[in-house]
Amino acid sequence: MSVQEIGHQPVTFRGINHQDVKLPGTGGSTDTGTAPRSAPDPTPGLRAAWKTRWSRIAASRFGGPVRVLLRGSGAGVLAVAAAEVHATHDPGVLCPFRRFTGIPCPVCGSTTVFMELGAGHLGAAVAANPVTVVVGLGLLFAPLGGGAWWWRLPARKKNIIIFSAMGISWLWQLHRYGFLPS
């Protein structure tokens, strides 16, 4: 007696390359094995419903502002919580490059920016690393569509912009920590 005669249907799932993969022992033209069947997972339907709802919201005229609000709220909550933890337990220097060499790296001050914003000190955040503040604001407001020009740039120009920003940031950090003359 084959599995087809019992009434079992072949079980398939989506593989990594998005092709249907038939599980062994679950039916098919030549398969005669009997594998135990489990109850269907209810989360794919729920996931699909949320994805549909989110797609509808994101495609509406309020989609960009909603995403900015969600990003900003999430980052704000994390920054306030991190600032509170930092205020009660200061871990010291977090940058491994600076810890071992004593020289700040181009992104030194990025954690400080986050902590200072969480504590409500905007001026101190900008003084810690202005490039991080500009990049953070760009990422925050990206859903509004102002950054579409970035994706149209060729890779060479993107690299030039990124390395220029890193160079400016590093010069700022070297000046901030007294490695460059004033």
N, C-alpha and C. Protein backbone atom coordinates (compact mmCIF):
# COMPACT_ATOMS: atom_id res chain seq x y z
N MET A 1 0.86 -1.17 0.00
CA MET A 1 0.00 0.00 0.00
C MET A 1 0.90 1.23 0.00
N SER A 2 0.70 2.13 -0.91
CA SER A 2 1.53 3.33 -0.99
C SER A 2 0.92 4.45 -0.16
N VAL A 3 1.70 5.47 0.04
CA VAL A 3 1.25 6.63 0.81
C VAL A 3 0.09 7.31 0.09
N GLN A 4 0.12 7.32 -1.23
CA GLN A 4 -0.95 7.96 -1.99
C GLN A 4 -2.29 7.28 -1.72
N GLU A 5 -2.29 5.97 -1.53
CA GLU A 5 -3.53 5.25 -1.28
C GLU A 5 -4.08 5.56 0.09
N ILE A 6 -3.22 5.85 1.05
CA ILE A 6 -3.68 6.17 2.40
C ILE A 6 -4.32 7.55 2.43
N GLY A 7 -3.91 8.44 1.54
CA GLY A 7 -4.50 9.77 1.51
C GLY A 7 -3.55 10.87 1.92
N HIS A 8 -2.30 10.55 2.20
CA HIS A 8 -1.34 11.59 2.55
C HIS A 8 -0.93 12.35 1.30
N GLN A 9 -0.76 13.62 1.44
CA GLN A 9 -0.29 14.46 0.35
C GLN A 9 1.20 14.71 0.52
N PRO A 10 1.94 14.86 -0.56
CA PRO A 10 3.37 15.18 -0.43
C PRO A 10 3.55 16.52 0.30
N VAL A 11 4.54 16.59 1.20
CA VAL A 11 4.82 17.81 1.96
C VAL A 11 5.98 18.53 1.28
N THR A 12 5.78 19.80 0.97
CA THR A 12 6.84 20.59 0.36
C THR A 12 7.06 21.85 1.19
N PHE A 13 8.24 22.41 1.10
CA PHE A 13 8.53 23.67 1.74
C PHE A 13 9.44 24.47 0.82
N ARG A 14 9.54 25.75 1.10
CA ARG A 14 10.41 26.62 0.30
C ARG A 14 11.82 26.51 0.80
N GLY A 15 12.74 26.14 -0.10
CA GLY A 15 14.14 26.04 0.25
C GLY A 15 14.81 27.40 0.23
N ILE A 16 16.09 27.43 0.50
CA ILE A 16 16.84 28.68 0.55
C ILE A 16 16.79 29.40 -0.80
N ASN A 17 16.82 28.63 -1.87
CA ASN A 17 16.80 29.25 -3.20
C ASN A 17 15.39 29.41 -3.73
N HIS A 18 14.39 29.35 -2.84
CA HIS A 18 12.98 29.57 -3.15
C HIS A 18 12.43 28.57 -4.15
N GLN A 19 12.94 27.36 -4.14
CA GLN A 19 12.38 26.30 -4.95
C GLN A 19 11.70 25.31 -4.01
N ASP A 20 10.62 24.72 -4.49
CA ASP A 20 9.92 23.74 -3.66
C ASP A 20 10.80 22.52 -3.47
N VAL A 21 10.90 22.06 -2.21
CA VAL A 21 11.68 20.89 -1.88
C VAL A 21 10.74 19.88 -1.24
N LYS A 22 10.73 18.66 -1.74
CA LYS A 22 9.86 17.63 -1.21
C LYS A 22 10.59 16.91 -0.09
N LEU A 23 9.94 16.79 1.05
CA LEU A 23 10.54 16.09 2.17
C LEU A 23 10.46 14.59 1.93
N PRO A 24 11.52 13.86 2.25
CA PRO A 24 11.49 12.41 2.07
C PRO A 24 10.51 11.78 3.06
N GLY A 25 9.88 10.74 2.62
CA GLY A 25 8.97 10.01 3.50
C GLY A 25 7.60 10.64 3.62
N THR A 26 7.25 11.58 2.75
CA THR A 26 5.96 12.25 2.87
C THR A 26 5.12 12.08 1.62
N GLY A 27 5.38 11.11 0.84
CA GLY A 27 4.52 10.87 -0.32
C GLY A 27 5.22 11.29 -1.58
N GLY A 28 4.58 11.05 -2.68
CA GLY A 28 5.13 11.35 -3.98
C GLY A 28 5.01 10.13 -4.86
N SER A 29 5.46 10.23 -6.07
CA SER A 29 5.25 9.15 -7.02
C SER A 29 6.01 7.89 -6.66
N THR A 30 7.21 7.97 -6.11
CA THR A 30 7.99 6.77 -5.81
C THR A 30 8.22 6.58 -4.33
N ASP A 31 7.78 7.50 -3.51
CA ASP A 31 8.03 7.43 -2.08
C ASP A 31 6.97 6.57 -1.41
N THR A 32 7.39 5.59 -0.64
CA THR A 32 6.43 4.75 0.08
C THR A 32 6.62 4.83 1.58
N GLY A 33 7.44 5.77 2.05
CA GLY A 33 7.68 5.91 3.48
C GLY A 33 6.51 6.57 4.18
N THR A 34 6.46 6.42 5.47
CA THR A 34 5.41 7.06 6.25
C THR A 34 6.08 7.90 7.32
N ALA A 35 6.01 9.19 7.16
CA ALA A 35 6.60 10.10 8.14
C ALA A 35 5.47 10.68 8.98
N PRO A 36 5.73 10.95 10.24
CA PRO A 36 4.68 11.54 11.07
C PRO A 36 4.38 12.96 10.59
N ARG A 37 3.13 13.30 10.58
CA ARG A 37 2.71 14.63 10.15
C ARG A 37 2.46 15.49 11.37
N SER A 38 2.90 16.73 11.33
CA SER A 38 2.68 17.64 12.45
C SER A 38 1.61 18.64 12.07
N ALA A 39 1.10 19.31 13.07
CA ALA A 39 0.06 20.31 12.84
C ALA A 39 0.67 21.49 12.09
N PRO A 40 -0.11 22.13 11.23
CA PRO A 40 0.43 23.27 10.49
C PRO A 40 0.79 24.42 11.44
N ASP A 41 1.84 25.14 11.11
CA ASP A 41 2.31 26.27 11.91
C ASP A 41 1.41 27.48 11.64
N PRO A 42 0.77 28.04 12.70
CA PRO A 42 -0.14 29.17 12.48
C PRO A 42 0.59 30.48 12.21
N THR A 43 1.90 30.58 12.49
CA THR A 43 2.59 31.86 12.34
C THR A 43 2.76 32.32 10.90
N PRO A 44 2.89 31.44 9.88
CA PRO A 44 3.02 31.99 8.53
C PRO A 44 1.82 32.85 8.12
N GLY A 45 0.61 32.45 8.52
CA GLY A 45 -0.57 33.26 8.20
C GLY A 45 -0.54 34.60 8.91
N LEU A 46 -0.15 34.57 10.17
CA LEU A 46 -0.04 35.81 10.94
C LEU A 46 1.03 36.71 10.36
N ARG A 47 2.17 36.09 10.01
CA ARG A 47 3.26 36.84 9.40
C ARG A 47 2.81 37.48 8.09
N ALA A 48 2.09 36.72 7.29
CA ALA A 48 1.61 37.23 6.01
C ALA A 48 0.63 38.38 6.22
N ALA A 49 -0.23 38.26 7.24
CA ALA A 49 -1.19 39.34 7.52
C ALA A 49 -0.47 40.62 7.92
N TRP A 50 0.55 40.50 8.80
CA TRP A 50 1.30 41.69 9.21
C TRP A 50 2.08 42.28 8.04
N LYS A 51 2.64 41.41 7.21
CA LYS A 51 3.38 41.89 6.06
C LYS A 51 2.46 42.64 5.10
N THR A 52 1.27 42.11 4.89
CA THR A 52 0.30 42.78 4.02
C THR A 52 -0.11 44.13 4.61
N ARG A 53 -0.38 44.12 5.91
CA ARG A 53 -0.80 45.37 6.56
C ARG A 53 0.33 46.41 6.51
N TRP A 54 1.58 45.98 6.82
CA TRP A 54 2.70 46.90 6.81
C TRP A 54 2.95 47.41 5.39
N SER A 55 2.83 46.55 4.39
CA SER A 55 3.02 46.98 3.00
C SER A 55 2.01 48.03 2.62
N ARG A 56 0.79 47.85 3.07
CA ARG A 56 -0.26 48.83 2.78
C ARG A 56 0.04 50.17 3.45
N ILE A 57 0.48 50.13 4.71
CA ILE A 57 0.82 51.37 5.42
C ILE A 57 2.03 52.04 4.77
N ALA A 58 3.06 51.26 4.48
CA ALA A 58 4.29 51.82 3.90
C ALA A 58 4.05 52.41 2.52
N ALA A 59 3.10 51.88 1.78
CA ALA A 59 2.83 52.38 0.44
C ALA A 59 1.92 53.61 0.45
N SER A 60 1.30 53.88 1.58
CA SER A 60 0.40 55.04 1.64
C SER A 60 1.22 56.34 1.72
N ARG A 61 0.55 57.44 1.64
CA ARG A 61 1.26 58.73 1.69
C ARG A 61 1.85 59.00 3.07
N PHE A 62 1.37 58.29 4.09
CA PHE A 62 1.90 58.45 5.44
C PHE A 62 2.98 57.42 5.76
N GLY A 63 3.35 56.58 4.80
CA GLY A 63 4.32 55.52 5.04
C GLY A 63 5.68 56.03 5.46
N GLY A 64 6.20 57.02 4.76
CA GLY A 64 7.51 57.58 5.11
C GLY A 64 7.53 58.18 6.50
N PRO A 65 6.58 59.09 6.80
CA PRO A 65 6.57 59.66 8.16
C PRO A 65 6.36 58.62 9.26
N VAL A 66 5.56 57.59 8.99
CA VAL A 66 5.35 56.54 9.99
C VAL A 66 6.66 55.80 10.25
N ARG A 67 7.41 55.49 9.19
CA ARG A 67 8.68 54.80 9.36
C ARG A 67 9.69 55.68 10.09
N VAL A 68 9.70 56.98 9.80
CA VAL A 68 10.59 57.90 10.51
C VAL A 68 10.21 57.94 11.98
N LEU A 69 8.92 58.00 12.26
CA LEU A 69 8.45 58.02 13.64
C LEU A 69 8.84 56.74 14.37
N LEU A 70 8.67 55.59 13.72
CA LEU A 70 9.03 54.32 14.36
C LEU A 70 10.54 54.22 14.58
N ARG A 71 11.32 54.61 13.58
CA ARG A 71 12.79 54.58 13.74
C ARG A 71 13.23 55.52 14.85
N GLY A 72 12.71 56.72 14.83
CA GLY A 72 13.08 57.70 15.85
C GLY A 72 12.67 57.28 17.24
N SER A 73 11.47 56.72 17.36
CA SER A 73 10.99 56.26 18.67
C SER A 73 11.84 55.11 19.19
N GLY A 74 12.13 54.16 18.31
CA GLY A 74 12.96 53.03 18.72
C GLY A 74 14.35 53.46 19.13
N ALA A 75 14.96 54.32 18.33
CA ALA A 75 16.30 54.81 18.65
C ALA A 75 16.28 55.65 19.92
N GLY A 76 15.23 56.44 20.11
CA GLY A 76 15.12 57.26 21.31
C GLY A 76 15.01 56.44 22.58
N VAL A 77 14.16 55.42 22.53
CA VAL A 77 14.01 54.54 23.70
C VAL A 77 15.33 53.85 24.02
N LEU A 78 16.00 53.34 22.98
CA LEU A 78 17.29 52.68 23.20
C LEU A 78 18.33 53.66 23.73
N ALA A 79 18.35 54.88 23.21
CA ALA A 79 19.33 55.87 23.66
C ALA A 79 19.10 56.26 25.12
N VAL A 80 17.84 56.46 25.50
CA VAL A 80 17.55 56.82 26.89
C VAL A 80 17.93 55.66 27.82
N ALA A 81 17.58 54.43 27.42
CA ALA A 81 17.93 53.28 28.26
C ALA A 81 19.45 53.12 28.35
N ALA A 82 20.14 53.27 27.24
CA ALA A 82 21.61 53.14 27.25
C ALA A 82 22.25 54.25 28.07
N ALA A 83 21.72 55.47 27.98
CA ALA A 83 22.26 56.58 28.77
C ALA A 83 22.06 56.33 30.26
N GLU A 84 20.93 55.75 30.61
CA GLU A 84 20.67 55.44 32.02
C GLU A 84 21.63 54.36 32.53
N VAL A 85 21.84 53.34 31.72
CA VAL A 85 22.79 52.28 32.10
C VAL A 85 24.20 52.86 32.20
N HIS A 86 24.55 53.71 31.24
CA HIS A 86 25.89 54.32 31.23
C HIS A 86 26.09 55.22 32.44
N ALA A 87 25.03 55.92 32.86
CA ALA A 87 25.14 56.82 34.02
C ALA A 87 25.37 56.04 35.30
N THR A 88 24.79 54.84 35.40
CA THR A 88 24.96 54.07 36.64
C THR A 88 26.19 53.17 36.61
N HIS A 89 26.63 52.79 35.40
CA HIS A 89 27.81 51.92 35.30
C HIS A 89 28.61 52.34 34.07
N ASP A 90 29.64 53.16 34.28
CA ASP A 90 30.46 53.65 33.18
C ASP A 90 31.50 52.59 32.81
N PRO A 91 31.41 52.03 31.58
CA PRO A 91 32.35 50.98 31.19
C PRO A 91 33.72 51.48 30.77
N GLY A 92 33.90 52.78 30.67
CA GLY A 92 35.19 53.33 30.24
C GLY A 92 35.27 53.39 28.72
N VAL A 93 36.47 53.27 28.19
CA VAL A 93 36.69 53.35 26.75
C VAL A 93 36.20 52.06 26.10
N LEU A 94 35.29 52.17 25.14
CA LEU A 94 34.75 50.99 24.46
C LEU A 94 35.48 50.67 23.17
N CYS A 95 36.14 51.65 22.57
CA CYS A 95 36.80 51.45 21.28
C CYS A 95 38.09 50.65 21.48
N PRO A 96 38.18 49.45 20.87
CA PRO A 96 39.39 48.65 21.07
C PRO A 96 40.64 49.31 20.48
N PHE A 97 40.50 50.02 19.37
CA PHE A 97 41.65 50.69 18.75
C PHE A 97 42.20 51.74 19.71
N ARG A 98 41.32 52.55 20.27
CA ARG A 98 41.76 53.60 21.21
C ARG A 98 42.26 52.99 22.51
N ARG A 99 41.65 51.90 22.95
CA ARG A 99 42.07 51.28 24.20
C ARG A 99 43.50 50.75 24.10
N PHE A 100 43.86 50.17 22.96
CA PHE A 100 45.18 49.56 22.83
C PHE A 100 46.25 50.52 22.32
N THR A 101 45.86 51.52 21.52
CA THR A 101 46.86 52.43 20.96
C THR A 101 46.84 53.81 21.60
N GLY A 102 45.72 54.18 22.19
CA GLY A 102 45.57 55.52 22.74
C GLY A 102 45.17 56.55 21.69
N ILE A 103 45.07 56.14 20.44
CA ILE A 103 44.69 57.04 19.34
C ILE A 103 43.23 56.78 18.98
N PRO A 104 42.42 57.83 18.86
CA PRO A 104 41.02 57.60 18.51
C PRO A 104 40.86 57.16 17.05
N CYS A 105 39.87 56.33 16.80
CA CYS A 105 39.58 55.89 15.43
C CYS A 105 38.56 56.86 14.81
N PRO A 106 38.27 56.75 13.52
CA PRO A 106 37.31 57.68 12.88
C PRO A 106 35.91 57.63 13.47
N VAL A 107 35.50 56.50 14.02
CA VAL A 107 34.15 56.42 14.56
C VAL A 107 34.12 56.56 16.08
N CYS A 108 35.26 56.90 16.69
CA CYS A 108 35.26 57.18 18.12
C CYS A 108 34.29 58.33 18.39
N GLY A 109 33.58 58.21 19.45
CA GLY A 109 32.59 59.22 19.78
C GLY A 109 31.19 58.85 19.34
N SER A 110 31.03 57.80 18.54
CA SER A 110 29.70 57.42 18.08
C SER A 110 28.84 56.91 19.24
N THR A 111 29.42 56.13 20.12
CA THR A 111 28.68 55.68 21.30
C THR A 111 28.36 56.87 22.20
N THR A 112 29.31 57.79 22.31
CA THR A 112 29.09 58.99 23.11
C THR A 112 27.95 59.82 22.53
N VAL A 113 27.87 59.90 21.20
CA VAL A 113 26.76 60.61 20.56
C VAL A 113 25.44 60.00 21.01
N PHE A 114 25.36 58.68 20.96
CA PHE A 114 24.15 57.96 21.34
C PHE A 114 23.80 58.24 22.81
N MET A 115 24.79 58.15 23.69
CA MET A 115 24.57 58.37 25.12
C MET A 115 24.14 59.82 25.41
N GLU A 116 24.82 60.78 24.76
CA GLU A 116 24.50 62.19 25.00
C GLU A 116 23.11 62.54 24.48
N LEU A 117 22.74 61.99 23.33
CA LEU A 117 21.38 62.22 22.84
C LEU A 117 20.35 61.63 23.78
N GLY A 118 20.65 60.45 24.32
CA GLY A 118 19.74 59.82 25.28
C GLY A 118 19.61 60.63 26.56
N ALA A 119 20.67 61.32 26.94
CA ALA A 119 20.63 62.16 28.13
C ALA A 119 20.06 63.55 27.83
N GLY A 120 19.82 63.83 26.54
CA GLY A 120 19.24 65.13 26.17
C GLY A 120 20.26 66.22 25.93
N HIS A 121 21.53 65.90 25.75
CA HIS A 121 22.58 66.89 25.54
C HIS A 121 22.96 66.94 24.06
N LEU A 122 22.21 67.70 23.28
CA LEU A 122 22.43 67.77 21.83
C LEU A 122 23.79 68.36 21.49
N GLY A 123 24.19 69.42 22.16
CA GLY A 123 25.48 70.06 21.89
C GLY A 123 26.65 69.12 22.16
N ALA A 124 26.58 68.38 23.25
CA ALA A 124 27.65 67.43 23.57
C ALA A 124 27.69 66.29 22.56
N ALA A 125 26.52 65.90 22.05
CA ALA A 125 26.48 64.84 21.04
C ALA A 125 27.14 65.30 19.75
N VAL A 126 26.85 66.50 19.32
CA VAL A 126 27.46 67.03 18.09
C VAL A 126 28.96 67.22 18.29
N ALA A 127 29.37 67.65 19.46
CA ALA A 127 30.80 67.84 19.73
C ALA A 127 31.55 66.50 19.77
N ALA A 128 30.88 65.43 20.16
CA ALA A 128 31.54 64.12 20.25
C ALA A 128 31.90 63.59 18.86
N ASN A 129 30.98 63.69 17.90
CA ASN A 129 31.26 63.23 16.54
C ASN A 129 30.18 63.78 15.61
N PRO A 130 30.42 64.94 14.99
CA PRO A 130 29.40 65.53 14.13
C PRO A 130 29.08 64.67 12.90
N VAL A 131 30.04 63.91 12.40
CA VAL A 131 29.78 63.06 11.23
C VAL A 131 28.77 61.98 11.59
N THR A 132 28.88 61.40 12.78
CA THR A 132 27.92 60.39 13.23
C THR A 132 26.53 60.99 13.35
N VAL A 133 26.43 62.21 13.83
CA VAL A 133 25.13 62.87 13.94
C VAL A 133 24.51 63.06 12.56
N VAL A 134 25.30 63.51 11.59
CA VAL A 134 24.79 63.73 10.23
C VAL A 134 24.36 62.39 9.60
N VAL A 135 25.18 61.36 9.75
CA VAL A 135 24.83 60.05 9.20
C VAL A 135 23.58 59.50 9.89
N GLY A 136 23.50 59.65 11.20
CA GLY A 136 22.32 59.19 11.93
C GLY A 136 21.05 59.89 11.49
N LEU A 137 21.13 61.21 11.28
CA LEU A 137 19.95 61.94 10.79
C LEU A 137 19.58 61.49 9.38
N GLY A 138 20.60 61.24 8.55
CA GLY A 138 20.32 60.74 7.20
C GLY A 138 19.61 59.40 7.23
N LEU A 139 20.06 58.49 8.10
CA LEU A 139 19.40 57.19 8.22
C LEU A 139 18.01 57.31 8.81
N LEU A 140 17.83 58.23 9.75
CA LEU A 140 16.52 58.43 10.36
C LEU A 140 15.50 58.90 9.34
N PHE A 141 15.89 59.87 8.51
CA PHE A 141 14.94 60.45 7.55
C PHE A 141 14.98 59.80 6.17
N ALA A 142 15.71 58.72 6.01
CA ALA A 142 15.79 58.01 4.72
C ALA A 142 14.43 57.57 4.19
N PRO A 143 13.48 57.15 5.02
CA PRO A 143 12.19 56.72 4.46
C PRO A 143 11.41 57.84 3.77
N LEU A 144 11.78 59.07 3.98
CA LEU A 144 11.08 60.17 3.31
C LEU A 144 11.51 60.32 1.86
N GLY A 145 12.53 59.58 1.45
CA GLY A 145 12.93 59.55 0.05
C GLY A 145 14.02 60.51 -0.34
N GLY A 146 14.54 61.28 0.57
CA GLY A 146 15.58 62.24 0.23
C GLY A 146 16.91 61.60 -0.14
N GLY A 147 17.10 60.34 0.23
CA GLY A 147 18.37 59.68 -0.04
C GLY A 147 18.38 58.85 -1.31
N ALA A 148 17.36 59.00 -2.15
CA ALA A 148 17.31 58.22 -3.38
C ALA A 148 18.50 58.52 -4.28
N TRP A 149 19.03 59.74 -4.18
CA TRP A 149 20.19 60.10 -4.99
C TRP A 149 21.37 59.20 -4.68
N TRP A 150 21.50 58.73 -3.44
CA TRP A 150 22.63 57.91 -3.04
C TRP A 150 22.68 56.62 -3.85
N TRP A 151 21.53 56.01 -4.06
CA TRP A 151 21.49 54.72 -4.76
C TRP A 151 21.73 54.88 -6.26
N ARG A 152 21.58 56.09 -6.77
CA ARG A 152 21.87 56.33 -8.18
C ARG A 152 23.34 56.61 -8.45
N LEU A 153 24.11 56.87 -7.39
CA LEU A 153 25.54 57.16 -7.56
C LEU A 153 26.31 55.89 -7.93
N PRO A 154 27.33 56.04 -8.76
CA PRO A 154 28.20 54.88 -9.02
C PRO A 154 29.00 54.54 -7.76
N ALA A 155 29.45 53.29 -7.68
CA ALA A 155 30.17 52.80 -6.49
C ALA A 155 31.40 53.64 -6.18
N ARG A 156 32.09 54.10 -7.22
CA ARG A 156 33.31 54.90 -6.99
C ARG A 156 33.00 56.20 -6.25
N LYS A 157 31.92 56.88 -6.63
CA LYS A 157 31.56 58.13 -5.94
C LYS A 157 31.10 57.86 -4.52
N LYS A 158 30.37 56.76 -4.31
CA LYS A 158 29.96 56.40 -2.95
C LYS A 158 31.19 56.18 -2.08
N ASN A 159 32.18 55.46 -2.62
CA ASN A 159 33.40 55.21 -1.85
C ASN A 159 34.14 56.50 -1.53
N ILE A 160 34.18 57.42 -2.48
CA ILE A 160 34.84 58.71 -2.24
C ILE A 160 34.13 59.46 -1.11
N ILE A 161 32.81 59.46 -1.13
CA ILE A 161 32.04 60.16 -0.09
C ILE A 161 32.27 59.51 1.27
N ILE A 162 32.22 58.18 1.31
CA ILE A 162 32.39 57.46 2.58
C ILE A 162 33.78 57.70 3.15
N PHE A 163 34.82 57.55 2.32
CA PHE A 163 36.18 57.73 2.82
C PHE A 163 36.47 59.19 3.17
N SER A 164 35.85 60.13 2.47
CA SER A 164 36.01 61.54 2.84
C SER A 164 35.38 61.81 4.19
N ALA A 165 34.19 61.27 4.41
CA ALA A 165 33.53 61.44 5.72
C ALA A 165 34.35 60.80 6.83
N MET A 166 34.91 59.63 6.56
CA MET A 166 35.75 58.96 7.56
C MET A 166 37.00 59.79 7.85
N GLY A 167 37.60 60.38 6.81
CA GLY A 167 38.78 61.22 7.01
C GLY A 167 38.46 62.47 7.82
N ILE A 168 37.35 63.11 7.50
CA ILE A 168 36.94 64.30 8.26
C ILE A 168 36.67 63.92 9.71
N SER A 169 35.98 62.79 9.90
CA SER A 169 35.69 62.34 11.25
C SER A 169 36.97 62.05 12.03
N TRP A 170 37.93 61.41 11.36
CA TRP A 170 39.18 61.08 12.05
C TRP A 170 39.96 62.35 12.41
N LEU A 171 40.00 63.32 11.49
CA LEU A 171 40.65 64.59 11.82
C LEU A 171 39.97 65.26 13.01
N TRP A 172 38.64 65.20 13.03
CA TRP A 172 37.89 65.78 14.16
C TRP A 172 38.28 65.08 15.46
N GLN A 173 38.34 63.76 15.44
CA GLN A 173 38.68 63.02 16.66
C GLN A 173 40.12 63.29 17.10
N LEU A 174 41.03 63.36 16.14
CA LEU A 174 42.42 63.66 16.49
C LEU A 174 42.52 65.05 17.11
N HIS A 175 41.78 66.01 16.58
CA HIS A 175 41.77 67.37 17.16
C HIS A 175 41.12 67.35 18.53
N ARG A 176 40.02 66.64 18.66
CA ARG A 176 39.27 66.59 19.92
C ARG A 176 40.12 66.01 21.06
N TYR A 177 40.94 65.02 20.75
CA TYR A 177 41.77 64.39 21.78
C TYR A 177 43.17 65.00 21.88
N GLY A 178 43.42 66.10 21.16
CA GLY A 178 44.67 66.82 21.30
C GLY A 178 45.85 66.26 20.52
N PHE A 179 45.60 65.44 19.51
CA PHE A 179 46.69 64.92 18.71
C PHE A 179 47.10 65.88 17.59
N LEU A 180 46.23 66.81 17.27
CA LEU A 180 46.54 67.83 16.26
C LEU A 180 46.68 69.18 16.95
N PRO A 181 47.57 70.04 16.46
CA PRO A 181 47.69 71.35 17.09
C PRO A 181 46.45 72.20 16.84
N SER A 182 46.14 73.02 17.81
CA SER A 182 44.94 73.88 17.70
C SER A 182 45.17 75.07 16.84
